[in-house]
């Protein structure tokens, strides 16, 4: 879970450092995929009873917010590319 969580901002930063918008979009999509991976791991953790409902909900809600932001950014960059 840590690896997937760290991968999100790492890919955003790496993509931003690229000189082309299409490369940036590619790395944002990779960050989004890492978010989906983290979401799956959170759901499995909840199903196995390894996380308190309150902690799950807080993490899940924050992740959903990040995923929405990534989705909006990707969409805006695609229309301007």
PDB file of N, CA and C in Angstrom:
ATOM      1  N   UNK A   1       0.823  -1.187   0.000  1.00  0.00           N
ATOM      2  CA  UNK A   1       0.000   0.000   0.000  1.00  0.00           C
ATOM      3  C   UNK A   1       0.872   1.257   0.000  1.00  0.00           C
ATOM      4  N   UNK A   2       1.967   1.205   0.750  1.00  0.00           N
ATOM      5  CA  UNK A   2       2.861   2.363   0.753  1.00  0.00           C
ATOM      6  C   UNK A   2       3.449   2.618  -0.630  1.00  0.00           C
ATOM      7  N   UNK A   3       3.828   1.541  -1.295  1.00  0.00           N
ATOM      8  CA  UNK A   3       4.430   1.668  -2.614  1.00  0.00           C
ATOM      9  C   UNK A   3       3.443   2.321  -3.593  1.00  0.00           C
ATOM     10  N   UNK A   4       2.200   1.879  -3.573  1.00  0.00           N
ATOM     11  CA  UNK A   4       1.184   2.446  -4.456  1.00  0.00           C
ATOM     12  C   UNK A   4       0.908   3.905  -4.089  1.00  0.00           C
ATOM     13  N   UNK A   5       0.846   4.193  -2.795  1.00  0.00           N
ATOM     14  CA  UNK A   5       0.580   5.566  -2.351  1.00  0.00           C
ATOM     15  C   UNK A   5       1.709   6.512  -2.743  1.00  0.00           C
ATOM     16  N   UNK A   6       2.944   6.067  -2.597  1.00  0.00           N
ATOM     17  CA  UNK A   6       4.098   6.904  -2.947  1.00  0.00           C
ATOM     18  C   UNK A   6       4.209   7.056  -4.466  1.00  0.00           C
ATOM     19  N   UNK A   7       3.755   6.063  -5.190  1.00  0.00           N
ATOM     20  CA  UNK A   7       3.825   6.089  -6.646  1.00  0.00           C
ATOM     21  C   UNK A   7       2.978   7.214  -7.240  1.00  0.00           C
ATOM     22  N   UNK A   8       1.886   7.573  -6.591  1.00  0.00           N
ATOM     23  CA  UNK A   8       0.992   8.606  -7.132  1.00  0.00           C
ATOM     24  C   UNK A   8       1.722   9.945  -7.269  1.00  0.00           C
ATOM     25  N   UNK A   9       2.217  10.557  -6.187  1.00  0.00           N
ATOM     26  CA  UNK A   9       2.900  11.847  -6.350  1.00  0.00           C
ATOM     27  C   UNK A   9       4.217  11.721  -7.108  1.00  0.00           C
ATOM     28  N   UNK A  10       4.865  10.566  -7.015  1.00  0.00           N
ATOM     29  CA  UNK A  10       6.125  10.378  -7.737  1.00  0.00           C
ATOM     30  C   UNK A  10       5.902  10.462  -9.245  1.00  0.00           C
ATOM     31  N   UNK A  11       4.859   9.817  -9.732  1.00  0.00           N
ATOM     32  CA  UNK A  11       4.567   9.867 -11.160  1.00  0.00           C
ATOM     33  C   UNK A  11       4.085  11.240 -11.602  1.00  0.00           C
ATOM     34  N   UNK A  12       3.348  11.922 -10.754  1.00  0.00           N
ATOM     35  CA  UNK A  12       2.934  13.291 -11.078  1.00  0.00           C
ATOM     36  C   UNK A  12       4.172  14.172 -11.241  1.00  0.00           C
ATOM     37  N   UNK A  13       5.093  14.079 -10.294  1.00  0.00           N
ATOM     38  CA  UNK A  13       6.316  14.892 -10.351  1.00  0.00           C
ATOM     39  C   UNK A  13       7.168  14.538 -11.558  1.00  0.00           C
ATOM     40  N   UNK A  14       7.329  13.250 -11.828  1.00  0.00           N
ATOM     41  CA  UNK A  14       8.147  12.846 -12.968  1.00  0.00           C
ATOM     42  C   UNK A  14       7.521  13.322 -14.280  1.00  0.00           C
ATOM     43  N   UNK A  15       6.215  13.184 -14.403  1.00  0.00           N
ATOM     44  CA  UNK A  15       5.538  13.643 -15.613  1.00  0.00           C
ATOM     45  C   UNK A  15       5.628  15.137 -15.797  1.00  0.00           C
ATOM     46  N   UNK A  16       5.511  15.878 -14.704  1.00  0.00           N
ATOM     47  CA  UNK A  16       5.583  17.340 -14.785  1.00  0.00           C
ATOM     48  C   UNK A  16       6.948  17.802 -15.267  1.00  0.00           C
ATOM     49  N   UNK A  17       7.976  17.033 -14.941  1.00  0.00           N
ATOM     50  CA  UNK A  17       9.337  17.423 -15.331  1.00  0.00           C
ATOM     51  C   UNK A  17       9.610  17.159 -16.817  1.00  0.00           C
ATOM     52  N   UNK A  18       8.720  16.431 -17.478  1.00  0.00           N
ATOM     53  CA  UNK A  18       8.893  16.153 -18.903  1.00  0.00           C
ATOM     54  C   UNK A  18       8.560  17.398 -19.719  1.00  0.00           C
ATOM     55  N   UNK A  19       9.107  17.461 -20.897  1.00  0.00           N
ATOM     56  CA  UNK A  19       8.940  18.671 -21.710  1.00  0.00           C
ATOM     57  C   UNK A  19       7.677  18.648 -22.569  1.00  0.00           C
ATOM     58  N   UNK A  20       7.056  17.487 -22.722  1.00  0.00           N
ATOM     59  CA  UNK A  20       5.889  17.400 -23.597  1.00  0.00           C
ATOM     60  C   UNK A  20       4.626  17.083 -22.808  1.00  0.00           C
ATOM     61  N   UNK A  21       3.538  17.737 -23.194  1.00  0.00           N
ATOM     62  CA  UNK A  21       2.260  17.539 -22.514  1.00  0.00           C
ATOM     63  C   UNK A  21       1.796  16.090 -22.607  1.00  0.00           C
ATOM     64  N   UNK A  22       2.001  15.452 -23.756  1.00  0.00           N
ATOM     65  CA  UNK A  22       1.566  14.064 -23.906  1.00  0.00           C
ATOM     66  C   UNK A  22       2.303  13.129 -22.944  1.00  0.00           C
ATOM     67  N   UNK A  23       3.562  13.417 -22.686  1.00  0.00           N
ATOM     68  CA  UNK A  23       4.307  12.616 -21.704  1.00  0.00           C
ATOM     69  C   UNK A  23       3.750  12.843 -20.303  1.00  0.00           C
ATOM     70  N   UNK A  24       3.436  14.104 -19.987  1.00  0.00           N
ATOM     71  CA  UNK A  24       2.857  14.441 -18.689  1.00  0.00           C
ATOM     72  C   UNK A  24       1.550  13.679 -18.494  1.00  0.00           C
ATOM     73  N   UNK A  25       0.702  13.666 -19.526  1.00  0.00           N
ATOM     74  CA  UNK A  25      -0.569  12.947 -19.452  1.00  0.00           C
ATOM     75  C   UNK A  25      -0.328  11.464 -19.188  1.00  0.00           C
ATOM     76  N   UNK A  26       0.659  10.894 -19.862  1.00  0.00           N
ATOM     77  CA  UNK A  26       0.976   9.469 -19.672  1.00  0.00           C
ATOM     78  C   UNK A  26       1.323   9.180 -18.206  1.00  0.00           C
ATOM     79  N   UNK A  27       2.135  10.040 -17.607  1.00  0.00           N
ATOM     80  CA  UNK A  27       2.515   9.827 -16.210  1.00  0.00           C
ATOM     81  C   UNK A  27       1.352  10.089 -15.257  1.00  0.00           C
ATOM     82  N   UNK A  28       0.471  11.015 -15.605  1.00  0.00           N
ATOM     83  CA  UNK A  28      -0.726  11.232 -14.793  1.00  0.00           C
ATOM     84  C   UNK A  28      -1.627  10.000 -14.846  1.00  0.00           C
ATOM     85  N   UNK A  29      -1.698   9.359 -16.000  1.00  0.00           N
ATOM     86  CA  UNK A  29      -2.485   8.136 -16.125  1.00  0.00           C
ATOM     87  C   UNK A  29      -1.869   7.004 -15.305  1.00  0.00           C
ATOM     88  N   UNK A  30      -0.555   6.958 -15.260  1.00  0.00           N
ATOM     89  CA  UNK A  30       0.119   5.957 -14.417  1.00  0.00           C
ATOM     90  C   UNK A  30      -0.179   6.241 -12.948  1.00  0.00           C
ATOM     91  N   UNK A  31      -0.168   7.519 -12.569  1.00  0.00           N
ATOM     92  CA  UNK A  31      -0.505   7.895 -11.189  1.00  0.00           C
ATOM     93  C   UNK A  31      -1.937   7.483 -10.868  1.00  0.00           C
ATOM     94  N   UNK A  32      -2.850   7.680 -11.825  1.00  0.00           N
ATOM     95  CA  UNK A  32      -4.239   7.286 -11.635  1.00  0.00           C
ATOM     96  C   UNK A  32      -4.349   5.775 -11.443  1.00  0.00           C
ATOM     97  N   UNK A  33      -3.589   5.022 -12.233  1.00  0.00           N
ATOM     98  CA  UNK A  33      -3.585   3.558 -12.105  1.00  0.00           C
ATOM     99  C   UNK A  33      -3.058   3.124 -10.736  1.00  0.00           C
ATOM    100  N   UNK A  34      -2.057   3.833 -10.230  1.00  0.00           N
ATOM    101  CA  UNK A  34      -1.554   3.532  -8.886  1.00  0.00           C
ATOM    102  C   UNK A  34      -2.631   3.821  -7.849  1.00  0.00           C
ATOM    103  N   UNK A  35      -3.431   4.846  -8.091  1.00  0.00           N
ATOM    104  CA  UNK A  35      -4.556   5.130  -7.209  1.00  0.00           C
ATOM    105  C   UNK A  35      -5.583   4.007  -7.220  1.00  0.00           C
ATOM    106  N   UNK A  36      -5.838   3.462  -8.405  1.00  0.00           N
ATOM    107  CA  UNK A  36      -6.771   2.338  -8.516  1.00  0.00           C
ATOM    108  C   UNK A  36      -6.223   1.116  -7.776  1.00  0.00           C
ATOM    109  N   UNK A  37      -4.919   0.915  -7.877  1.00  0.00           N
ATOM    110  CA  UNK A  37      -4.275  -0.189  -7.157  1.00  0.00           C
ATOM    111  C   UNK A  37      -4.433   0.005  -5.648  1.00  0.00           C
ATOM    112  N   UNK A  38      -4.201   1.217  -5.182  1.00  0.00           N
ATOM    113  CA  UNK A  38      -4.342   1.513  -3.757  1.00  0.00           C
ATOM    114  C   UNK A  38      -5.787   1.341  -3.311  1.00  0.00           C
ATOM    115  N   UNK A  39      -6.729   1.754  -4.145  1.00  0.00           N
ATOM    116  CA  UNK A  39      -8.145   1.584  -3.821  1.00  0.00           C
ATOM    117  C   UNK A  39      -8.473   0.101  -3.619  1.00  0.00           C
ATOM    118  N   UNK A  40      -7.985  -0.735  -4.512  1.00  0.00           N
ATOM    119  CA  UNK A  40      -8.206  -2.179  -4.406  1.00  0.00           C
ATOM    120  C   UNK A  40      -7.616  -2.725  -3.109  1.00  0.00           C
ATOM    121  N   UNK A  41      -6.403  -2.288  -2.793  1.00  0.00           N
ATOM    122  CA  UNK A  41      -5.761  -2.760  -1.568  1.00  0.00           C
ATOM    123  C   UNK A  41      -6.513  -2.304  -0.322  1.00  0.00           C
ATOM    124  N   UNK A  42      -7.038  -1.086  -0.354  1.00  0.00           N
ATOM    125  CA  UNK A  42      -7.844  -0.600   0.764  1.00  0.00           C
ATOM    126  C   UNK A  42      -9.108  -1.446   0.931  1.00  0.00           C
ATOM    127  N   UNK A  43      -9.765  -1.742  -0.178  1.00  0.00           N
ATOM    128  CA  UNK A  43     -10.990  -2.542  -0.115  1.00  0.00           C
ATOM    129  C   UNK A  43     -10.707  -3.947   0.415  1.00  0.00           C
ATOM    130  N   UNK A  44      -9.614  -4.540  -0.022  1.00  0.00           N
ATOM    131  CA  UNK A  44      -9.240  -5.876   0.477  1.00  0.00           C
ATOM    132  C   UNK A  44      -8.949  -5.821   1.975  1.00  0.00           C
ATOM    133  N   UNK A  45      -8.225  -4.792   2.388  1.00  0.00           N
ATOM    134  CA  UNK A  45      -7.904  -4.622   3.809  1.00  0.00           C
ATOM    135  C   UNK A  45      -9.174  -4.509   4.639  1.00  0.00           C
ATOM    136  N   UNK A  46     -10.156  -3.769   4.116  1.00  0.00           N
ATOM    137  CA  UNK A  46     -11.433  -3.619   4.823  1.00  0.00           C
ATOM    138  C   UNK A  46     -12.163  -4.957   4.891  1.00  0.00           C
ATOM    139  N   UNK A  47     -12.224  -5.662   3.765  1.00  0.00           N
ATOM    140  CA  UNK A  47     -12.923  -6.954   3.723  1.00  0.00           C
ATOM    141  C   UNK A  47     -12.299  -7.970   4.677  1.00  0.00           C
ATOM    142  N   UNK A  48     -10.994  -7.898   4.836  1.00  0.00           N
ATOM    143  CA  UNK A  48     -10.298  -8.824   5.735  1.00  0.00           C
ATOM    144  C   UNK A  48     -10.352  -8.390   7.194  1.00  0.00           C
ATOM    145  N   UNK A  49     -10.931  -7.219   7.434  1.00  0.00           N
ATOM    146  CA  UNK A  49     -11.048  -6.721   8.803  1.00  0.00           C
ATOM    147  C   UNK A  49      -9.733  -6.236   9.388  1.00  0.00           C
ATOM    148  N   UNK A  50      -8.827  -5.804   8.530  1.00  0.00           N
ATOM    149  CA  UNK A  50      -7.507  -5.355   8.988  1.00  0.00           C
ATOM    150  C   UNK A  50      -7.432  -3.848   9.218  1.00  0.00           C
ATOM    151  N   UNK A  51      -8.552  -3.150   9.006  1.00  0.00           N
ATOM    152  CA  UNK A  51      -8.575  -1.707   9.194  1.00  0.00           C
ATOM    153  C   UNK A  51      -9.914  -1.334   9.831  1.00  0.00           C
ATOM    154  N   UNK A  52      -9.880  -0.346  10.712  1.00  0.00           N
ATOM    155  CA  UNK A  52     -11.121   0.127  11.313  1.00  0.00           C
ATOM    156  C   UNK A  52     -11.934   0.875  10.265  1.00  0.00           C
ATOM    157  N   UNK A  53     -13.242   0.779  10.360  1.00  0.00           N
ATOM    158  CA  UNK A  53     -14.129   1.422   9.391  1.00  0.00           C
ATOM    159  C   UNK A  53     -13.848   2.913   9.286  1.00  0.00           C
ATOM    160  N   UNK A  54     -13.627   3.552  10.410  1.00  0.00           N
ATOM    161  CA  UNK A  54     -13.355   4.989  10.427  1.00  0.00           C
ATOM    162  C   UNK A  54     -12.067   5.308   9.662  1.00  0.00           C
ATOM    163  N   UNK A  55     -11.023   4.532   9.884  1.00  0.00           N
ATOM    164  CA  UNK A  55      -9.751   4.751   9.194  1.00  0.00           C
ATOM    165  C   UNK A  55      -9.871   4.450   7.710  1.00  0.00           C
ATOM    166  N   UNK A  56     -10.599   3.383   7.385  1.00  0.00           N
ATOM    167  CA  UNK A  56     -10.833   3.055   5.981  1.00  0.00           C
ATOM    168  C   UNK A  56     -11.534   4.202   5.278  1.00  0.00           C
ATOM    169  N   UNK A  57     -12.601   4.697   5.884  1.00  0.00           N
ATOM    170  CA  UNK A  57     -13.406   5.740   5.242  1.00  0.00           C
ATOM    171  C   UNK A  57     -12.601   7.011   5.013  1.00  0.00           C
ATOM    172  N   UNK A  58     -11.780   7.374   5.978  1.00  0.00           N
ATOM    173  CA  UNK A  58     -10.955   8.573   5.833  1.00  0.00           C
ATOM    174  C   UNK A  58      -9.962   8.392   4.676  1.00  0.00           C
ATOM    175  N   UNK A  59      -9.268   7.270   4.635  1.00  0.00           N
ATOM    176  CA  UNK A  59      -8.303   7.002   3.571  1.00  0.00           C
ATOM    177  C   UNK A  59      -8.998   6.907   2.218  1.00  0.00           C
ATOM    178  N   UNK A  60     -10.124   6.233   2.192  1.00  0.00           N
ATOM    179  CA  UNK A  60     -10.861   6.041   0.943  1.00  0.00           C
ATOM    180  C   UNK A  60     -11.355   7.380   0.390  1.00  0.00           C
ATOM    181  N   UNK A  61     -11.910   8.207   1.259  1.00  0.00           N
ATOM    182  CA  UNK A  61     -12.410   9.520   0.826  1.00  0.00           C
ATOM    183  C   UNK A  61     -11.282  10.393   0.287  1.00  0.00           C
ATOM    184  N   UNK A  62     -10.143  10.392   0.967  1.00  0.00           N
ATOM    185  CA  UNK A  62      -8.996  11.177   0.485  1.00  0.00           C
ATOM    186  C   UNK A  62      -8.511  10.665  -0.864  1.00  0.00           C
ATOM    187  N   UNK A  63      -8.458   9.366  -1.018  1.00  0.00           N
ATOM    188  CA  UNK A  63      -8.034   8.789  -2.289  1.00  0.00           C
ATOM    189  C   UNK A  63      -9.011   9.151  -3.405  1.00  0.00           C
ATOM    190  N   UNK A  64     -10.298   9.103  -3.132  1.00  0.00           N
ATOM    191  CA  UNK A  64     -11.280   9.477  -4.146  1.00  0.00           C
ATOM    192  C   UNK A  64     -11.111  10.929  -4.578  1.00  0.00           C
ATOM    193  N   UNK A  65     -10.790  11.797  -3.640  1.00  0.00           N
ATOM    194  CA  UNK A  65     -10.555  13.205  -3.973  1.00  0.00           C
ATOM    195  C   UNK A  65      -9.338  13.345  -4.895  1.00  0.00           C
ATOM    196  N   UNK A  66      -8.269  12.631  -4.573  1.00  0.00           N
ATOM    197  CA  UNK A  66      -7.062  12.661  -5.413  1.00  0.00           C
ATOM    198  C   UNK A  66      -7.375  12.125  -6.805  1.00  0.00           C
ATOM    199  N   UNK A  67      -8.129  11.048  -6.884  1.00  0.00           N
ATOM    200  CA  UNK A  67      -8.484  10.448  -8.171  1.00  0.00           C
ATOM    201  C   UNK A  67      -9.320  11.416  -9.011  1.00  0.00           C
ATOM    202  N   UNK A  68     -10.256  12.124  -8.371  1.00  0.00           N
ATOM    203  CA  UNK A  68     -11.051  13.121  -9.097  1.00  0.00           C
ATOM    204  C   UNK A  68     -10.171  14.240  -9.632  1.00  0.00           C
ATOM    205  N   UNK A  69      -9.232  14.707  -8.810  1.00  0.00           N
ATOM    206  CA  UNK A  69      -8.335  15.775  -9.246  1.00  0.00           C
ATOM    207  C   UNK A  69      -7.485  15.320 -10.425  1.00  0.00           C
ATOM    208  N   UNK A  70      -6.967  14.099 -10.351  1.00  0.00           N
ATOM    209  CA  UNK A  70      -6.169  13.569 -11.461  1.00  0.00           C
ATOM    210  C   UNK A  70      -7.016  13.462 -12.726  1.00  0.00           C
ATOM    211  N   UNK A  71      -8.224  12.984 -12.586  1.00  0.00           N
ATOM    212  CA  UNK A  71      -9.117  12.825 -13.731  1.00  0.00           C
ATOM    213  C   UNK A  71      -9.397  14.171 -14.400  1.00  0.00           C
ATOM    214  N   UNK A  72      -9.661  15.196 -13.607  1.00  0.00           N
ATOM    215  CA  UNK A  72      -9.920  16.530 -14.152  1.00  0.00           C
ATOM    216  C   UNK A  72      -8.677  17.073 -14.847  1.00  0.00           C
ATOM    217  N   UNK A  73      -7.520  16.922 -14.214  1.00  0.00           N
ATOM    218  CA  UNK A  73      -6.277  17.412 -14.809  1.00  0.00           C
ATOM    219  C   UNK A  73      -5.985  16.715 -16.124  1.00  0.00           C
ATOM    220  N   UNK A  74      -6.138  15.406 -16.160  1.00  0.00           N
ATOM    221  CA  UNK A  74      -5.913  14.652 -17.394  1.00  0.00           C
ATOM    222  C   UNK A  74      -6.858  15.130 -18.491  1.00  0.00           C
ATOM    223  N   UNK A  75      -8.124  15.299 -18.151  1.00  0.00           N
ATOM    224  CA  UNK A  75      -9.124  15.744 -19.136  1.00  0.00           C
ATOM    225  C   UNK A  75      -8.783  17.125 -19.692  1.00  0.00           C
ATOM    226  N   UNK A  76      -8.407  18.041 -18.810  1.00  0.00           N
ATOM    227  CA  UNK A  76      -8.069  19.404 -19.259  1.00  0.00           C
ATOM    228  C   UNK A  76      -6.828  19.413 -20.129  1.00  0.00           C
ATOM    229  N   UNK A  77      -5.831  18.625 -19.754  1.00  0.00           N
ATOM    230  CA  UNK A  77      -4.598  18.583 -20.561  1.00  0.00           C
ATOM    231  C   UNK A  77      -4.865  17.947 -21.924  1.00  0.00           C
ATOM    232  N   UNK A  78      -5.731  16.950 -21.973  1.00  0.00           N
ATOM    233  CA  UNK A  78      -6.054  16.302 -23.259  1.00  0.00           C
ATOM    234  C   UNK A  78      -6.744  17.280 -24.206  1.00  0.00           C
ATOM    235  N   UNK A  79      -7.612  18.133 -23.671  1.00  0.00           N
ATOM    236  CA  UNK A  79      -8.311  19.076 -24.543  1.00  0.00           C
ATOM    237  C   UNK A  79      -7.406  20.206 -25.019  1.00  0.00           C
ATOM    238  N   UNK A  80      -6.343  20.474 -24.265  1.00  0.00           N
ATOM    239  CA  UNK A  80      -5.427  21.547 -24.660  1.00  0.00           C
ATOM    240  C   UNK A  80      -4.242  21.036 -25.470  1.00  0.00           C
ATOM    241  N   UNK A  81      -4.070  19.710 -25.532  1.00  0.00           N
ATOM    242  CA  UNK A  81      -2.914  19.128 -26.237  1.00  0.00           C
ATOM    243  C   UNK A  81      -3.131  19.063 -27.734  1.00  0.00           C
TER     244      UNK A  81
END
